[in-house]
Amino acid sequence: MVQQPEDPASDSFPVWLNHLLLERGLTQRQVAQELGVTPKTVSRWLRRQSQPKYPQLVRIAATFGTPPQLRGAEPGEVGG
């Protein structure tokens, strides 16, 4: 379930991703398919139970735009 967005400019990946889902009218399943992950993974990201690793963030950036964690980050600095 997609919740009402907080400020998408925050540095929170879940807030950014939730805003993206609402803005583009996407489901968690659609995002998961586009990124090659399971819908459960996307759900965990949104519920702050896990975070995408750097290679996943790169794919997210290529597909949907730059998430907060990649703005100015180096590969070793984000998610391992």
C-alpha atoms as a PDB file:
ATOM      1  CA  MET A   1       0.000   0.000   0.000  1.00  0.00           C
ATOM      2  CA  VAL A   2       1.323   3.418  -0.995  1.00  0.00           C
ATOM      3  CA  GLN A   3       1.046   6.071   1.684  1.00  0.00           C
ATOM      4  CA  GLN A   4       0.674   9.818   1.289  1.00  0.00           C
ATOM      5  CA  PRO A   5       4.077  11.324   0.520  1.00  0.00           C
ATOM      6  CA  GLU A   6       6.298  13.196   2.895  1.00  0.00           C
ATOM      7  CA  ASP A   7       8.689  15.787   1.495  1.00  0.00           C
ATOM      8  CA  PRO A   8      10.333  14.068  -1.518  1.00  0.00           C
ATOM      9  CA  ALA A   9      13.343  16.362  -1.206  1.00  0.00           C
ATOM     10  CA  SER A  10      14.275  14.683   2.069  1.00  0.00           C
ATOM     11  CA  ASP A  11      17.268  12.375   2.174  1.00  0.00           C
ATOM     12  CA  SER A  12      15.061   9.388   2.918  1.00  0.00           C
ATOM     13  CA  PHE A  13      15.010   6.735   0.205  1.00  0.00           C
ATOM     14  CA  PRO A  14      11.587   5.373   1.300  1.00  0.00           C
ATOM     15  CA  VAL A  15      10.069   8.873   1.074  1.00  0.00           C
ATOM     16  CA  TRP A  16      11.628   9.434  -2.338  1.00  0.00           C
ATOM     17  CA  LEU A  17      10.451   6.036  -3.625  1.00  0.00           C
ATOM     18  CA  ASN A  18       6.937   6.492  -2.251  1.00  0.00           C
ATOM     19  CA  HIS A  19       6.741   9.895  -3.947  1.00  0.00           C
ATOM     20  CA  LEU A  20       7.903   8.315  -7.210  1.00  0.00           C
ATOM     21  CA  LEU A  21       5.192   5.641  -7.001  1.00  0.00           C
ATOM     22  CA  LEU A  22       2.475   8.214  -6.408  1.00  0.00           C
ATOM     23  CA  GLU A  23       3.762  10.731  -8.947  1.00  0.00           C
ATOM     24  CA  ARG A  24       4.050   8.179 -11.746  1.00  0.00           C
ATOM     25  CA  GLY A  25       1.074   6.040 -10.777  1.00  0.00           C
ATOM     26  CA  LEU A  26       3.229   2.943 -10.400  1.00  0.00           C
ATOM     27  CA  THR A  27       2.626  -0.105  -8.252  1.00  0.00           C
ATOM     28  CA  GLN A  28       5.262  -1.820  -6.150  1.00  0.00           C
ATOM     29  CA  ARG A  29       4.990  -4.780  -8.540  1.00  0.00           C
ATOM     30  CA  GLN A  30       5.694  -2.564 -11.565  1.00  0.00           C
ATOM     31  CA  VAL A  31       8.726  -1.007  -9.904  1.00  0.00           C
ATOM     32  CA  ALA A  32       9.980  -4.443  -8.867  1.00  0.00           C
ATOM     33  CA  GLN A  33       9.653  -5.791 -12.408  1.00  0.00           C
ATOM     34  CA  GLU A  34      11.438  -2.780 -13.854  1.00  0.00           C
ATOM     35  CA  LEU A  35      14.320  -3.146 -11.383  1.00  0.00           C
ATOM     36  CA  GLY A  36      14.594  -6.938 -11.443  1.00  0.00           C
ATOM     37  CA  VAL A  37      13.724  -7.384  -7.763  1.00  0.00           C
ATOM     38  CA  THR A  38      10.741  -8.915  -6.010  1.00  0.00           C
ATOM     39  CA  PRO A  39       7.711  -6.883  -4.940  1.00  0.00           C
ATOM     40  CA  LYS A  40       8.575  -7.948  -1.391  1.00  0.00           C
ATOM     41  CA  THR A  41      11.944  -6.198  -1.746  1.00  0.00           C
ATOM     42  CA  VAL A  42      10.269  -2.965  -2.829  1.00  0.00           C
ATOM     43  CA  SER A  43       7.856  -3.296   0.101  1.00  0.00           C
ATOM     44  CA  ARG A  44      10.776  -3.703   2.510  1.00  0.00           C
ATOM     45  CA  TRP A  45      12.427  -0.585   1.105  1.00  0.00           C
ATOM     46  CA  LEU A  46       9.227   1.405   1.589  1.00  0.00           C
ATOM     47  CA  ARG A  47       8.763   0.120   5.150  1.00  0.00           C
ATOM     48  CA  ARG A  48      12.418   0.867   6.017  1.00  0.00           C
ATOM     49  CA  GLN A  49      13.156  -2.776   6.742  1.00  0.00           C
ATOM     50  CA  SER A  50      16.014  -2.823   4.250  1.00  0.00           C
ATOM     51  CA  GLN A  51      17.850  -0.514   1.876  1.00  0.00           C
ATOM     52  CA  PRO A  52      18.948  -1.098  -1.688  1.00  0.00           C
ATOM     53  CA  LYS A  53      22.612  -1.866  -2.164  1.00  0.00           C
ATOM     54  CA  TYR A  54      24.746   0.382  -4.352  1.00  0.00           C
ATOM     55  CA  PRO A  55      24.292  -1.639  -7.593  1.00  0.00           C
ATOM     56  CA  GLN A  56      20.516  -1.522  -7.062  1.00  0.00           C
ATOM     57  CA  LEU A  57      20.673   2.229  -6.451  1.00  0.00           C
ATOM     58  CA  VAL A  58      22.562   2.663  -9.719  1.00  0.00           C
ATOM     59  CA  ARG A  59      19.852   0.735 -11.562  1.00  0.00           C
ATOM     60  CA  ILE A  60      17.153   2.753  -9.790  1.00  0.00           C
ATOM     61  CA  ALA A  61      18.901   5.968 -10.855  1.00  0.00           C
ATOM     62  CA  ALA A  62      19.157   4.788 -14.464  1.00  0.00           C
ATOM     63  CA  THR A  63      15.489   3.815 -14.505  1.00  0.00           C
ATOM     64  CA  PHE A  64      13.741   6.436 -12.385  1.00  0.00           C
ATOM     65  CA  GLY A  65      16.193   9.243 -11.628  1.00  0.00           C
ATOM     66  CA  THR A  66      18.683   9.837  -8.860  1.00  0.00           C
ATOM     67  CA  PRO A  67      17.583   8.765  -5.375  1.00  0.00           C
ATOM     68  CA  PRO A  68      18.834  10.730  -2.360  1.00  0.00           C
ATOM     69  CA  GLN A  69      21.570   8.229  -1.464  1.00  0.00           C
ATOM     70  CA  LEU A  70      23.390   8.665  -4.777  1.00  0.00           C
ATOM     71  CA  ARG A  71      23.559  12.431  -4.812  1.00  0.00           C
ATOM     72  CA  GLY A  72      27.279  13.030  -4.468  1.00  0.00           C
ATOM     73  CA  ALA A  73      28.029   9.505  -3.177  1.00  0.00           C
ATOM     74  CA  GLU A  74      30.888   7.252  -4.147  1.00  0.00           C
ATOM     75  CA  PRO A  75      30.337   3.485  -4.643  1.00  0.00           C
ATOM     76  CA  GLY A  76      31.859   2.515  -1.286  1.00  0.00           C
ATOM     77  CA  GLU A  77      29.798   5.071   0.596  1.00  0.00           C
ATOM     78  CA  VAL A  78      26.320   3.657  -0.044  1.00  0.00           C
ATOM     79  CA  GLY A  79      24.805   0.335   0.909  1.00  0.00           C
ATOM     80  CA  GLY A  80      27.974  -1.686   0.369  1.00  0.00           C
END
